[in-house]
Amino acid sequence: MKRRVQAECAMQSIIPHETIIKINTAKQRSLECQAAVGVIMGFGSAILAEKLPNLSFDFVLLERQRDVWDDQSSCLGFQAIRRGSAIPMARLTWNDPAYNDQMLDRGALGQGAAR
């Protein structure tokens, strides 16, 4: 544990804290009982995903439930959304822990699952 903390402290001194962690402001707002305004992307376009975060949305949700976004395009979409101020989220096809982890690994900071 001590080595891990030392490694994290050393890493923070090299790289600014803002580039390591993006705070999930949509989650913060919902925990404070405030409305979080977002948009659902039904188009599988990373170019459009790059434009939406600059329109003052709290989050941008990629529609993975209807198979609009495949694995590669969702990765590009999450990267494009993270460049702006919005939080990248995914609506999942099914509620499976392994599938949820894959979306988190690809860059989603929040998820909505089908029942």
PDB file of N, CA and C in Angstrom:
ATOM      1  N   MET A   1       0.824  -1.196   0.000  1.00  0.00           N
ATOM      2  CA  MET A   1       0.000   0.000   0.000  1.00  0.00           C
ATOM      3  C   MET A   1       0.867   1.258   0.000  1.00  0.00           C
ATOM      4  N   LYS A   2       1.938   1.232   0.802  1.00  0.00           N
ATOM      5  CA  LYS A   2       2.814   2.398   0.883  1.00  0.00           C
ATOM      6  C   LYS A   2       3.487   2.671  -0.458  1.00  0.00           C
ATOM      7  N   ARG A   3       3.904   1.614  -1.162  1.00  0.00           N
ATOM      8  CA  ARG A   3       4.540   1.792  -2.476  1.00  0.00           C
ATOM      9  C   ARG A   3       3.568   2.381  -3.484  1.00  0.00           C
ATOM     10  N   ARG A   4       2.321   1.934  -3.404  1.00  0.00           N
ATOM     11  CA  ARG A   4       1.314   2.433  -4.333  1.00  0.00           C
ATOM     12  C   ARG A   4       1.100   3.935  -4.129  1.00  0.00           C
ATOM     13  N   VAL A   5       1.013   4.353  -2.888  1.00  0.00           N
ATOM     14  CA  VAL A   5       0.829   5.769  -2.586  1.00  0.00           C
ATOM     15  C   VAL A   5       2.032   6.574  -3.060  1.00  0.00           C
ATOM     16  N   GLN A   6       3.228   6.042  -2.844  1.00  0.00           N
ATOM     17  CA  GLN A   6       4.434   6.733  -3.296  1.00  0.00           C
ATOM     18  C   GLN A   6       4.445   6.854  -4.812  1.00  0.00           C
ATOM     19  N   ALA A   7       4.040   5.794  -5.506  1.00  0.00           N
ATOM     20  CA  ALA A   7       4.004   5.824  -6.969  1.00  0.00           C
ATOM     21  C   ALA A   7       2.990   6.851  -7.459  1.00  0.00           C
ATOM     22  N   GLU A   8       1.817   6.919  -6.803  1.00  0.00           N
ATOM     23  CA  GLU A   8       0.797   7.886  -7.199  1.00  0.00           C
ATOM     24  C   GLU A   8       1.289   9.314  -6.962  1.00  0.00           C
ATOM     25  N   CYS A   9       1.955   9.544  -5.843  1.00  0.00           N
ATOM     26  CA  CYS A   9       2.479  10.879  -5.554  1.00  0.00           C
ATOM     27  C   CYS A   9       3.551  11.269  -6.568  1.00  0.00           C
ATOM     28  N   ALA A  10       4.404  10.322  -6.916  1.00  0.00           N
ATOM     29  CA  ALA A  10       5.440  10.605  -7.911  1.00  0.00           C
ATOM     30  C   ALA A  10       4.805  10.909  -9.260  1.00  0.00           C
ATOM     31  N   MET A  11       3.756  10.180  -9.617  1.00  0.00           N
ATOM     32  CA  MET A  11       3.082  10.392 -10.887  1.00  0.00           C
ATOM     33  C   MET A  11       2.399  11.758 -10.922  1.00  0.00           C
ATOM     34  N   GLN A  12       1.804  12.170  -9.807  1.00  0.00           N
ATOM     35  CA  GLN A  12       1.127  13.457  -9.764  1.00  0.00           C
ATOM     36  C   GLN A  12       2.107  14.611  -9.884  1.00  0.00           C
ATOM     37  N   SER A  13       3.328  14.412  -9.422  1.00  0.00           N
ATOM     38  CA  SER A  13       4.303  15.489  -9.542  1.00  0.00           C
ATOM     39  C   SER A  13       4.792  15.635 -10.983  1.00  0.00           C
ATOM     40  N   ILE A  14       4.697  14.563 -11.770  1.00  0.00           N
ATOM     41  CA  ILE A  14       5.132  14.612 -13.164  1.00  0.00           C
ATOM     42  C   ILE A  14       4.004  15.114 -14.070  1.00  0.00           C
ATOM     43  N   ILE A  15       2.808  14.560 -13.889  1.00  0.00           N
ATOM     44  CA  ILE A  15       1.668  14.873 -14.743  1.00  0.00           C
ATOM     45  C   ILE A  15       0.650  15.652 -13.928  1.00  0.00           C
ATOM     46  N   PRO A  16       0.109  16.759 -14.456  1.00  0.00           N
ATOM     47  CA  PRO A  16      -0.911  17.512 -13.718  1.00  0.00           C
ATOM     48  C   PRO A  16      -2.119  16.637 -13.391  1.00  0.00           C
ATOM     49  N   HIS A  17      -2.724  16.885 -12.247  1.00  0.00           N
ATOM     50  CA  HIS A  17      -3.842  16.084 -11.749  1.00  0.00           C
ATOM     51  C   HIS A  17      -5.031  16.085 -12.712  1.00  0.00           C
ATOM     52  N   GLU A  18      -5.274  17.179 -13.411  1.00  0.00           N
ATOM     53  CA  GLU A  18      -6.432  17.274 -14.297  1.00  0.00           C
ATOM     54  C   GLU A  18      -6.341  16.307 -15.469  1.00  0.00           C
ATOM     55  N   THR A  19      -5.137  15.936 -15.893  1.00  0.00           N
ATOM     56  CA  THR A  19      -5.013  15.038 -17.024  1.00  0.00           C
ATOM     57  C   THR A  19      -5.182  13.582 -16.615  1.00  0.00           C
ATOM     58  N   ILE A  20      -5.066  13.271 -15.339  1.00  0.00           N
ATOM     59  CA  ILE A  20      -5.187  11.888 -14.880  1.00  0.00           C
ATOM     60  C   ILE A  20      -6.643  11.526 -14.621  1.00  0.00           C
ATOM     61  N   ILE A  21      -7.369  12.396 -13.936  1.00  0.00           N
ATOM     62  CA  ILE A  21      -8.725  12.085 -13.497  1.00  0.00           C
ATOM     63  C   ILE A  21      -9.694  13.133 -14.033  1.00  0.00           C
ATOM     64  N   LYS A  22     -10.803  12.670 -14.607  1.00  0.00           N
ATOM     65  CA  LYS A  22     -11.890  13.572 -14.983  1.00  0.00           C
ATOM     66  C   LYS A  22     -13.026  13.329 -14.005  1.00  0.00           C
ATOM     67  N   ILE A  23     -13.434  14.366 -13.302  1.00  0.00           N
ATOM     68  CA  ILE A  23     -14.478  14.237 -12.291  1.00  0.00           C
ATOM     69  C   ILE A  23     -15.827  14.100 -12.980  1.00  0.00           C
ATOM     70  N   ASN A  24     -16.608  13.133 -12.523  1.00  0.00           N
ATOM     71  CA  ASN A  24     -17.926  12.881 -13.086  1.00  0.00           C
ATOM     72  C   ASN A  24     -18.915  13.899 -12.513  1.00  0.00           C
ATOM     73  N   THR A  25     -19.033  15.029 -13.192  1.00  0.00           N
ATOM     74  CA  THR A  25     -19.898  16.107 -12.711  1.00  0.00           C
ATOM     75  C   THR A  25     -21.379  15.744 -12.807  1.00  0.00           C
ATOM     76  N   ALA A  26     -21.754  14.894 -13.754  1.00  0.00           N
ATOM     77  CA  ALA A  26     -23.146  14.457 -13.864  1.00  0.00           C
ATOM     78  C   ALA A  26     -23.534  13.642 -12.626  1.00  0.00           C
ATOM     79  N   LYS A  27     -22.640  12.791 -12.163  1.00  0.00           N
ATOM     80  CA  LYS A  27     -22.907  12.009 -10.949  1.00  0.00           C
ATOM     81  C   LYS A  27     -22.961  12.920  -9.728  1.00  0.00           C
ATOM     82  N   GLN A  28     -22.052  13.883  -9.655  1.00  0.00           N
ATOM     83  CA  GLN A  28     -22.060  14.828  -8.539  1.00  0.00           C
ATOM     84  C   GLN A  28     -23.378  15.588  -8.473  1.00  0.00           C
ATOM     85  N   ARG A  29     -23.848  16.045  -9.610  1.00  0.00           N
ATOM     86  CA  ARG A  29     -25.108  16.792  -9.644  1.00  0.00           C
ATOM     87  C   ARG A  29     -26.268  15.919  -9.192  1.00  0.00           C
ATOM     88  N   SER A  30     -26.316  14.666  -9.637  1.00  0.00           N
ATOM     89  CA  SER A  30     -27.421  13.797  -9.247  1.00  0.00           C
ATOM     90  C   SER A  30     -27.350  13.441  -7.758  1.00  0.00           C
ATOM     91  N   LEU A  31     -26.151  13.291  -7.210  1.00  0.00           N
ATOM     92  CA  LEU A  31     -26.022  13.035  -5.775  1.00  0.00           C
ATOM     93  C   LEU A  31     -26.449  14.240  -4.941  1.00  0.00           C
ATOM     94  N   GLU A  32     -26.341  15.430  -5.505  1.00  0.00           N
ATOM     95  CA  GLU A  32     -26.775  16.652  -4.824  1.00  0.00           C
ATOM     96  C   GLU A  32     -28.242  16.979  -5.130  1.00  0.00           C
ATOM     97  N   CYS A  33     -28.977  16.026  -5.723  1.00  0.00           N
ATOM     98  CA  CYS A  33     -30.392  16.182  -6.086  1.00  0.00           C
ATOM     99  C   CYS A  33     -30.614  17.334  -7.059  1.00  0.00           C
ATOM    100  N   GLN A  34     -29.667  17.547  -7.956  1.00  0.00           N
ATOM    101  CA  GLN A  34     -29.801  18.546  -9.013  1.00  0.00           C
ATOM    102  C   GLN A  34     -29.944  17.815 -10.349  1.00  0.00           C
ATOM    103  N   ALA A  35     -30.553  18.477 -11.284  1.00  0.00           N
ATOM    104  CA  ALA A  35     -30.744  17.877 -12.604  1.00  0.00           C
ATOM    105  C   ALA A  35     -29.444  17.915 -13.402  1.00  0.00           C
ATOM    106  N   ALA A  36     -29.151  16.814 -14.060  1.00  0.00           N
ATOM    107  CA  ALA A  36     -28.028  16.738 -14.992  1.00  0.00           C
ATOM    108  C   ALA A  36     -28.627  16.640 -16.394  1.00  0.00           C
ATOM    109  N   VAL A  37     -28.273  17.555 -17.261  1.00  0.00           N
ATOM    110  CA  VAL A  37     -28.841  17.623 -18.604  1.00  0.00           C
ATOM    111  C   VAL A  37     -27.874  16.961 -19.577  1.00  0.00           C
ATOM    112  N   GLY A  38     -28.399  16.026 -20.357  1.00  0.00           N
ATOM    113  CA  GLY A  38     -27.550  15.324 -21.309  1.00  0.00           C
ATOM    114  C   GLY A  38     -28.279  15.046 -22.604  1.00  0.00           C
ATOM    115  N   VAL A  39     -27.578  14.383 -23.490  1.00  0.00           N
ATOM    116  CA  VAL A  39     -28.122  14.047 -24.792  1.00  0.00           C
ATOM    117  C   VAL A  39     -27.752  12.599 -25.107  1.00  0.00           C
ATOM    118  N   ILE A  40     -28.662  11.903 -25.805  1.00  0.00           N
ATOM    119  CA  ILE A  40     -28.410  10.529 -26.234  1.00  0.00           C
ATOM    120  C   ILE A  40     -28.002  10.574 -27.701  1.00  0.00           C
ATOM    121  N   MET A  41     -26.843   9.982 -28.001  1.00  0.00           N
ATOM    122  CA  MET A  41     -26.359   9.948 -29.381  1.00  0.00           C
ATOM    123  C   MET A  41     -26.804   8.664 -30.066  1.00  0.00           C
ATOM    124  N   GLY A  42     -27.701   8.799 -31.008  1.00  0.00           N
ATOM    125  CA  GLY A  42     -28.158   7.671 -31.779  1.00  0.00           C
ATOM    126  C   GLY A  42     -27.384   7.484 -33.077  1.00  0.00           C
ATOM    127  N   PHE A  43     -26.486   8.414 -33.377  1.00  0.00           N
ATOM    128  CA  PHE A  43     -25.649   8.319 -34.573  1.00  0.00           C
ATOM    129  C   PHE A  43     -24.289   7.766 -34.174  1.00  0.00           C
ATOM    130  N   GLY A  44     -23.744   6.857 -34.939  1.00  0.00           N
ATOM    131  CA  GLY A  44     -22.434   6.284 -34.646  1.00  0.00           C
ATOM    132  C   GLY A  44     -21.300   7.102 -35.232  1.00  0.00           C
ATOM    133  N   SER A  45     -21.279   8.391 -34.943  1.00  0.00           N
ATOM    134  CA  SER A  45     -20.290   9.289 -35.541  1.00  0.00           C
ATOM    135  C   SER A  45     -19.445   9.945 -34.457  1.00  0.00           C
ATOM    136  N   ALA A  46     -18.143   9.673 -34.474  1.00  0.00           N
ATOM    137  CA  ALA A  46     -17.229  10.302 -33.519  1.00  0.00           C
ATOM    138  C   ALA A  46     -17.083  11.786 -33.796  1.00  0.00           C
ATOM    139  N   ILE A  47     -17.278  12.210 -35.032  1.00  0.00           N
ATOM    140  CA  ILE A  47     -17.190  13.633 -35.379  1.00  0.00           C
ATOM    141  C   ILE A  47     -18.307  14.405 -34.686  1.00  0.00           C
ATOM    142  N   LEU A  48     -19.529  13.862 -34.727  1.00  0.00           N
ATOM    143  CA  LEU A  48     -20.642  14.496 -34.036  1.00  0.00           C
ATOM    144  C   LEU A  48     -20.446  14.426 -32.519  1.00  0.00           C
ATOM    145  N   ALA A  49     -19.884  13.331 -32.043  1.00  0.00           N
ATOM    146  CA  ALA A  49     -19.624  13.187 -30.606  1.00  0.00           C
ATOM    147  C   ALA A  49     -18.625  14.235 -30.119  1.00  0.00           C
ATOM    148  N   GLU A  50     -17.769  14.687 -30.973  1.00  0.00           N
ATOM    149  CA  GLU A  50     -16.793  15.710 -30.597  1.00  0.00           C
ATOM    150  C   GLU A  50     -17.441  17.090 -30.487  1.00  0.00           C
ATOM    151  N   LYS A  51     -18.518  17.323 -31.220  1.00  0.00           N
ATOM    152  CA  LYS A  51     -19.186  18.627 -31.214  1.00  0.00           C
ATOM    153  C   LYS A  51     -20.154  18.784 -30.043  1.00  0.00           C
ATOM    154  N   LEU A  52     -20.835  17.721 -29.638  1.00  0.00           N
ATOM    155  CA  LEU A  52     -21.875  17.813 -28.615  1.00  0.00           C
ATOM    156  C   LEU A  52     -21.385  18.245 -27.232  1.00  0.00           C
ATOM    157  N   PRO A  53     -20.223  17.818 -26.753  1.00  0.00           N
ATOM    158  CA  PRO A  53     -19.808  18.242 -25.408  1.00  0.00           C
ATOM    159  C   PRO A  53     -19.604  19.747 -25.279  1.00  0.00           C
ATOM    160  N   ASN A  54     -19.434  20.446 -26.361  1.00  0.00           N
ATOM    161  CA  ASN A  54     -19.224  21.895 -26.318  1.00  0.00           C
ATOM    162  C   ASN A  54     -20.538  22.679 -26.297  1.00  0.00           C
ATOM    163  N   LEU A  55     -21.677  21.980 -26.228  1.00  0.00           N
ATOM    164  CA  LEU A  55     -22.986  22.637 -26.225  1.00  0.00           C
ATOM    165  C   LEU A  55     -23.601  22.691 -24.829  1.00  0.00           C
ATOM    166  N   SER A  56     -22.779  22.682 -23.791  1.00  0.00           N
ATOM    167  CA  SER A  56     -23.196  22.824 -22.388  1.00  0.00           C
ATOM    168  C   SER A  56     -24.022  21.659 -21.859  1.00  0.00           C
ATOM    169  N   PHE A  57     -23.823  20.464 -22.367  1.00  0.00           N
ATOM    170  CA  PHE A  57     -24.458  19.279 -21.791  1.00  0.00           C
ATOM    171  C   PHE A  57     -23.595  18.760 -20.649  1.00  0.00           C
ATOM    172  N   ASP A  58     -24.253  18.190 -19.631  1.00  0.00           N
ATOM    173  CA  ASP A  58     -23.512  17.579 -18.531  1.00  0.00           C
ATOM    174  C   ASP A  58     -22.950  16.219 -18.939  1.00  0.00           C
ATOM    175  N   PHE A  59     -23.696  15.498 -19.776  1.00  0.00           N
ATOM    176  CA  PHE A  59     -23.226  14.193 -20.241  1.00  0.00           C
ATOM    177  C   PHE A  59     -23.695  13.938 -21.664  1.00  0.00           C
ATOM    178  N   VAL A  60     -22.970  13.049 -22.340  1.00  0.00           N
ATOM    179  CA  VAL A  60     -23.357  12.568 -23.665  1.00  0.00           C
ATOM    180  C   VAL A  60     -23.398  11.047 -23.566  1.00  0.00           C
ATOM    181  N   LEU A  61     -24.558  10.463 -23.853  1.00  0.00           N
ATOM    182  CA  LEU A  61     -24.766   9.032 -23.706  1.00  0.00           C
ATOM    183  C   LEU A  61     -24.758   8.368 -25.081  1.00  0.00           C
ATOM    184  N   LEU A  62     -23.852   7.434 -25.297  1.00  0.00           N
ATOM    185  CA  LEU A  62     -23.791   6.705 -26.568  1.00  0.00           C
ATOM    186  C   LEU A  62     -24.783   5.551 -26.524  1.00  0.00           C
ATOM    187  N   GLU A  63     -25.617   5.439 -27.534  1.00  0.00           N
ATOM    188  CA  GLU A  63     -26.670   4.432 -27.610  1.00  0.00           C
ATOM    189  C   GLU A  63     -26.086   3.105 -28.080  1.00  0.00           C
ATOM    190  N   ARG A  64     -25.670   2.269 -27.145  1.00  0.00           N
ATOM    191  CA  ARG A  64     -25.123   0.962 -27.491  1.00  0.00           C
ATOM    192  C   ARG A  64     -26.206  -0.119 -27.488  1.00  0.00           C
ATOM    193  N   GLN A  65     -27.363   0.174 -26.923  1.00  0.00           N
ATOM    194  CA  GLN A  65     -28.423  -0.830 -26.816  1.00  0.00           C
ATOM    195  C   GLN A  65     -28.972  -1.220 -28.183  1.00  0.00           C
ATOM    196  N   ARG A  66     -29.052  -0.305 -29.089  1.00  0.00           N
ATOM    197  CA  ARG A  66     -29.601  -0.579 -30.427  1.00  0.00           C
ATOM    198  C   ARG A  66     -28.504  -0.899 -31.448  1.00  0.00           C
ATOM    199  N   ASP A  67     -27.297  -1.163 -30.986  1.00  0.00           N
ATOM    200  CA  ASP A  67     -26.154  -1.515 -31.844  1.00  0.00           C
ATOM    201  C   ASP A  67     -25.806  -0.432 -32.855  1.00  0.00           C
ATOM    202  N   VAL A  68     -26.009   0.821 -32.483  1.00  0.00           N
ATOM    203  CA  VAL A  68     -25.610   1.933 -33.354  1.00  0.00           C
ATOM    204  C   VAL A  68     -24.103   2.130 -33.265  1.00  0.00           C
ATOM    205  N   TRP A  69     -23.563   2.004 -32.057  1.00  0.00           N
ATOM    206  CA  TRP A  69     -22.126   2.164 -31.815  1.00  0.00           C
ATOM    207  C   TRP A  69     -21.507   0.783 -31.658  1.00  0.00           C
ATOM    208  N   ASP A  70     -20.527   0.445 -32.487  1.00  0.00           N
ATOM    209  CA  ASP A  70     -19.794  -0.799 -32.288  1.00  0.00           C
ATOM    210  C   ASP A  70     -18.616  -0.525 -31.356  1.00  0.00           C
ATOM    211  N   ASP A  71     -17.763  -1.523 -31.137  1.00  0.00           N
ATOM    212  CA  ASP A  71     -16.665  -1.378 -30.181  1.00  0.00           C
ATOM    213  C   ASP A  71     -15.680  -0.279 -30.583  1.00  0.00           C
ATOM    214  N   GLN A  72     -15.293  -0.268 -31.852  1.00  0.00           N
ATOM    215  CA  GLN A  72     -14.310   0.712 -32.308  1.00  0.00           C
ATOM    216  C   GLN A  72     -14.883   2.130 -32.311  1.00  0.00           C
ATOM    217  N   SER A  73     -16.082   2.292 -32.826  1.00  0.00           N
ATOM    218  CA  SER A  73     -16.654   3.637 -32.884  1.00  0.00           C
ATOM    219  C   SER A  73     -16.981   4.172 -31.495  1.00  0.00           C
ATOM    220  N   SER A  74     -17.365   3.285 -30.551  1.00  0.00           N
ATOM    221  CA  SER A  74     -17.632   3.773 -29.198  1.00  0.00           C
ATOM    222  C   SER A  74     -16.345   4.233 -28.528  1.00  0.00           C
ATOM    223  N   CYS A  75     -15.240   3.543 -28.788  1.00  0.00           N
ATOM    224  CA  CYS A  75     -13.938   3.989 -28.257  1.00  0.00           C
ATOM    225  C   CYS A  75     -13.613   5.385 -28.775  1.00  0.00           C
ATOM    226  N   LEU A  76     -13.775   5.592 -30.067  1.00  0.00           N
ATOM    227  CA  LEU A  76     -13.513   6.908 -30.661  1.00  0.00           C
ATOM    228  C   LEU A  76     -14.492   7.951 -30.133  1.00  0.00           C
ATOM    229  N   GLY A  77     -15.742   7.551 -29.935  1.00  0.00           N
ATOM    230  CA  GLY A  77     -16.738   8.473 -29.408  1.00  0.00           C
ATOM    231  C   GLY A  77     -16.421   8.909 -27.987  1.00  0.00           C
ATOM    232  N   PHE A  78     -16.015   7.963 -27.137  1.00  0.00           N
ATOM    233  CA  PHE A  78     -15.654   8.305 -25.756  1.00  0.00           C
ATOM    234  C   PHE A  78     -14.456   9.252 -25.726  1.00  0.00           C
ATOM    235  N   GLN A  79     -13.486   8.990 -26.581  1.00  0.00           N
ATOM    236  CA  GLN A  79     -12.308   9.869 -26.636  1.00  0.00           C
ATOM    237  C   GLN A  79     -12.705  11.279 -27.085  1.00  0.00           C
ATOM    238  N   ALA A  80     -13.590  11.356 -28.056  1.00  0.00           N
ATOM    239  CA  ALA A  80     -14.018  12.661 -28.555  1.00  0.00           C
ATOM    240  C   ALA A  80     -14.807  13.423 -27.493  1.00  0.00           C
ATOM    241  N   ILE A  81     -15.659  12.730 -26.748  1.00  0.00           N
ATOM    242  CA  ILE A  81     -16.463  13.379 -25.714  1.00  0.00           C
ATOM    243  C   ILE A  81     -15.578  13.874 -24.580  1.00  0.00           C
ATOM    244  N   ARG A  82     -14.560  13.096 -24.233  1.00  0.00           N
ATOM    245  CA  ARG A  82     -13.683  13.475 -23.114  1.00  0.00           C
ATOM    246  C   ARG A  82     -12.892  14.754 -23.400  1.00  0.00           C
ATOM    247  N   ARG A  83     -12.748  15.129 -24.657  1.00  0.00           N
ATOM    248  CA  ARG A  83     -12.046  16.378 -24.997  1.00  0.00           C
ATOM    249  C   ARG A  83     -12.831  17.606 -24.570  1.00  0.00           C
ATOM    250  N   GLY A  84     -14.147  17.469 -24.436  1.00  0.00           N
ATOM    251  CA  GLY A  84     -14.991  18.581 -24.016  1.00  0.00           C
ATOM    252  C   GLY A  84     -15.281  18.525 -22.529  1.00  0.00           C
ATOM    253  N   SER A  85     -16.301  19.247 -22.121  1.00  0.00           N
ATOM    254  CA  SER A  85     -16.631  19.308 -20.696  1.00  0.00           C
ATOM    255  C   SER A  85     -17.668  18.268 -20.283  1.00  0.00           C
ATOM    256  N   ALA A  86     -18.299  17.589 -21.224  1.00  0.00           N
ATOM    257  CA  ALA A  86     -19.337  16.609 -20.899  1.00  0.00           C
ATOM    258  C   ALA A  86     -18.725  15.282 -20.449  1.00  0.00           C
ATOM    259  N   ILE A  87     -19.532  14.491 -19.767  1.00  0.00           N
ATOM    260  CA  ILE A  87     -19.126  13.182 -19.268  1.00  0.00           C
ATOM    261  C   ILE A  87     -19.566  12.118 -20.280  1.00  0.00           C
ATOM    262  N   PRO A  88     -18.660  11.244 -20.733  1.00  0.00           N
ATOM    263  CA  PRO A  88     -19.055  10.172 -21.654  1.00  0.00           C
ATOM    264  C   PRO A  88     -19.757   9.043 -20.914  1.00  0.00           C
ATOM    265  N   MET A  89     -20.933   8.662 -21.408  1.00  0.00           N
ATOM    266  CA  MET A  89     -21.706   7.579 -20.814  1.00  0.00           C
ATOM    267  C   MET A  89     -22.167   6.630 -21.919  1.00  0.00           C
ATOM    268  N   ALA A  90     -22.579   5.432 -21.520  1.00  0.00           N
ATOM    269  CA  ALA A  90     -23.052   4.442 -22.490  1.00  0.00           C
ATOM    270  C   ALA A  90     -24.342   3.805 -21.999  1.00  0.00           C
ATOM    271  N   ARG A  91     -25.268   3.597 -22.916  1.00  0.00           N
ATOM    272  CA  ARG A  91     -26.475   2.816 -22.621  1.00  0.00           C
ATOM    273  C   ARG A  91     -26.198   1.416 -23.123  1.00  0.00           C
ATOM    274  N   LEU A  92     -26.189   0.465 -22.216  1.00  0.00           N
ATOM    275  CA  LEU A  92     -25.712  -0.882 -22.525  1.00  0.00           C
ATOM    276  C   LEU A  92     -26.813  -1.799 -23.034  1.00  0.00           C
ATOM    277  N   THR A  93     -26.398  -2.809 -23.771  1.00  0.00           N
ATOM    278  CA  THR A  93     -27.328  -3.778 -24.329  1.00  0.00           C
ATOM    279  C   THR A  93     -27.906  -4.686 -23.255  1.00  0.00           C
ATOM    280  N   TRP A  94     -27.066  -5.151 -22.351  1.00  0.00           N
ATOM    281  CA  TRP A  94     -27.528  -5.989 -21.257  1.00  0.00           C
ATOM    282  C   TRP A  94     -26.712  -5.676 -20.010  1.00  0.00           C
ATOM    283  N   ASN A  95     -27.264  -6.058 -18.870  1.00  0.00           N
ATOM    284  CA  ASN A  95     -26.630  -5.761 -17.590  1.00  0.00           C
ATOM    285  C   ASN A  95     -25.755  -6.941 -17.181  1.00  0.00           C
ATOM    286  N   ASP A  96     -24.545  -6.982 -17.721  1.00  0.00           N
ATOM    287  CA  ASP A  96     -23.579  -8.044 -17.441  1.00  0.00           C
ATOM    288  C   ASP A  96     -22.303  -7.400 -16.898  1.00  0.00           C
ATOM    289  N   PRO A  97     -21.793  -7.844 -15.743  1.00  0.00           N
ATOM    290  CA  PRO A  97     -20.607  -7.205 -15.159  1.00  0.00           C
ATOM    291  C   PRO A  97     -19.400  -7.161 -16.100  1.00  0.00           C
ATOM    292  N   ALA A  98     -19.163  -8.213 -16.862  1.00  0.00           N
ATOM    293  CA  ALA A  98     -18.015  -8.218 -17.783  1.00  0.00           C
ATOM    294  C   ALA A  98     -18.210  -7.186 -18.892  1.00  0.00           C
ATOM    295  N   TYR A  99     -19.412  -7.100 -19.409  1.00  0.00           N
ATOM    296  CA  TYR A  99     -19.725  -6.119 -20.451  1.00  0.00           C
ATOM    297  C   TYR A  99     -19.632  -4.696 -19.903  1.00  0.00           C
ATOM    298  N   ASN A 100     -20.106  -4.492 -18.675  1.00  0.00           N
ATOM    299  CA  ASN A 100     -20.001  -3.178 -18.031  1.00  0.00           C
ATOM    300  C   ASN A 100     -18.544  -2.766 -17.886  1.00  0.00           C
ATOM    301  N   ASP A 101     -17.698  -3.687 -17.470  1.00  0.00           N
ATOM    302  CA  ASP A 101     -16.272  -3.387 -17.311  1.00  0.00           C
ATOM    303  C   ASP A 101     -15.623  -3.022 -18.643  1.00  0.00           C
ATOM    304  N   GLN A 102     -16.034  -3.695 -19.718  1.00  0.00           N
ATOM    305  CA  GLN A 102     -15.493  -3.377 -21.038  1.00  0.00           C
ATOM    306  C   GLN A 102     -15.812  -1.939 -21.425  1.00  0.00           C
ATOM    307  N   MET A 103     -17.032  -1.486 -21.135  1.00  0.00           N
ATOM    308  CA  MET A 103     -17.404  -0.105 -21.469  1.00  0.00           C
ATOM    309  C   MET A 103     -16.614   0.890 -20.621  1.00  0.00           C
ATOM    310  N   LEU A 104     -16.395   0.557 -19.357  1.00  0.00           N
ATOM    311  CA  LEU A 104     -15.593   1.429 -18.506  1.00  0.00           C
ATOM    312  C   LEU A 104     -14.148   1.479 -19.002  1.00  0.00           C
ATOM    313  N   ASP A 105     -13.632   0.335 -19.448  1.00  0.00           N
ATOM    314  CA  ASP A 105     -12.273   0.299 -19.984  1.00  0.00           C
ATOM    315  C   ASP A 105     -12.144   1.103 -21.270  1.00  0.00           C
ATOM    316  N   ARG A 106     -13.210   1.159 -22.046  1.00  0.00           N
ATOM    317  CA  ARG A 106     -13.172   1.915 -23.307  1.00  0.00           C
ATOM    318  C   ARG A 106     -13.309   3.414 -23.095  1.00  0.00           C
ATOM    319  N   GLY A 107     -13.738   3.845 -21.893  1.00  0.00           N
ATOM    320  CA  GLY A 107     -13.766   5.272 -21.616  1.00  0.00           C
ATOM    321  C   GLY A 107     -15.061   5.819 -21.084  1.00  0.00           C
ATOM    322  N   ALA A 108     -16.084   4.992 -20.881  1.00  0.00           N
ATOM    323  CA  ALA A 108     -17.333   5.494 -20.316  1.00  0.00           C
ATOM    324  C   ALA A 108     -17.143   5.806 -18.828  1.00  0.00           C
ATOM    325  N   LEU A 109     -17.708   6.898 -18.378  1.00  0.00           N
ATOM    326  CA  LEU A 109     -17.653   7.241 -16.946  1.00  0.00           C
ATOM    327  C   LEU A 109     -18.997   7.013 -16.272  1.00  0.00           C
ATOM    328  N   GLY A 110     -19.986   6.559 -17.017  1.00  0.00           N
ATOM    329  CA  GLY A 110     -21.302   6.245 -16.472  1.00  0.00           C
ATOM    330  C   GLY A 110     -22.011   5.314 -17.423  1.00  0.00           C
ATOM    331  N   GLN A 111     -23.006   4.577 -16.897  1.00  0.00           N
ATOM    332  CA  GLN A 111     -23.696   3.583 -17.719  1.00  0.00           C
ATOM    333  C   GLN A 111     -25.165   3.537 -17.377  1.00  0.00           C
ATOM    334  N   GLY A 112     -25.940   3.155 -18.356  1.00  0.00           N
ATOM    335  CA  GLY A 112     -27.355   2.832 -18.160  1.00  0.00           C
ATOM    336  C   GLY A 112     -27.564   1.482 -18.814  1.00  0.00           C
ATOM    337  N   ALA A 113     -28.175   0.555 -18.095  1.00  0.00           N
ATOM    338  CA  ALA A 113     -28.329  -0.804 -18.619  1.00  0.00           C
ATOM    339  C   ALA A 113     -29.785  -1.137 -18.865  1.00  0.00           C
ATOM    340  N   ALA A 114     -30.031  -2.002 -19.829  1.00  0.00           N
ATOM    341  CA  ALA A 114     -31.360  -2.505 -20.080  1.00  0.00           C
ATOM    342  C   ALA A 114     -31.756  -3.446 -18.953  1.00  0.00           C
ATOM    343  N   ARG A 115     -33.044  -3.581 -18.725  1.00  0.00           N
ATOM    344  CA  ARG A 115     -33.503  -4.456 -17.637  1.00  0.00           C
ATOM    345  C   ARG A 115     -33.697  -5.852 -18.106  1.00  0.00           C
TER     346      ARG A 115
END
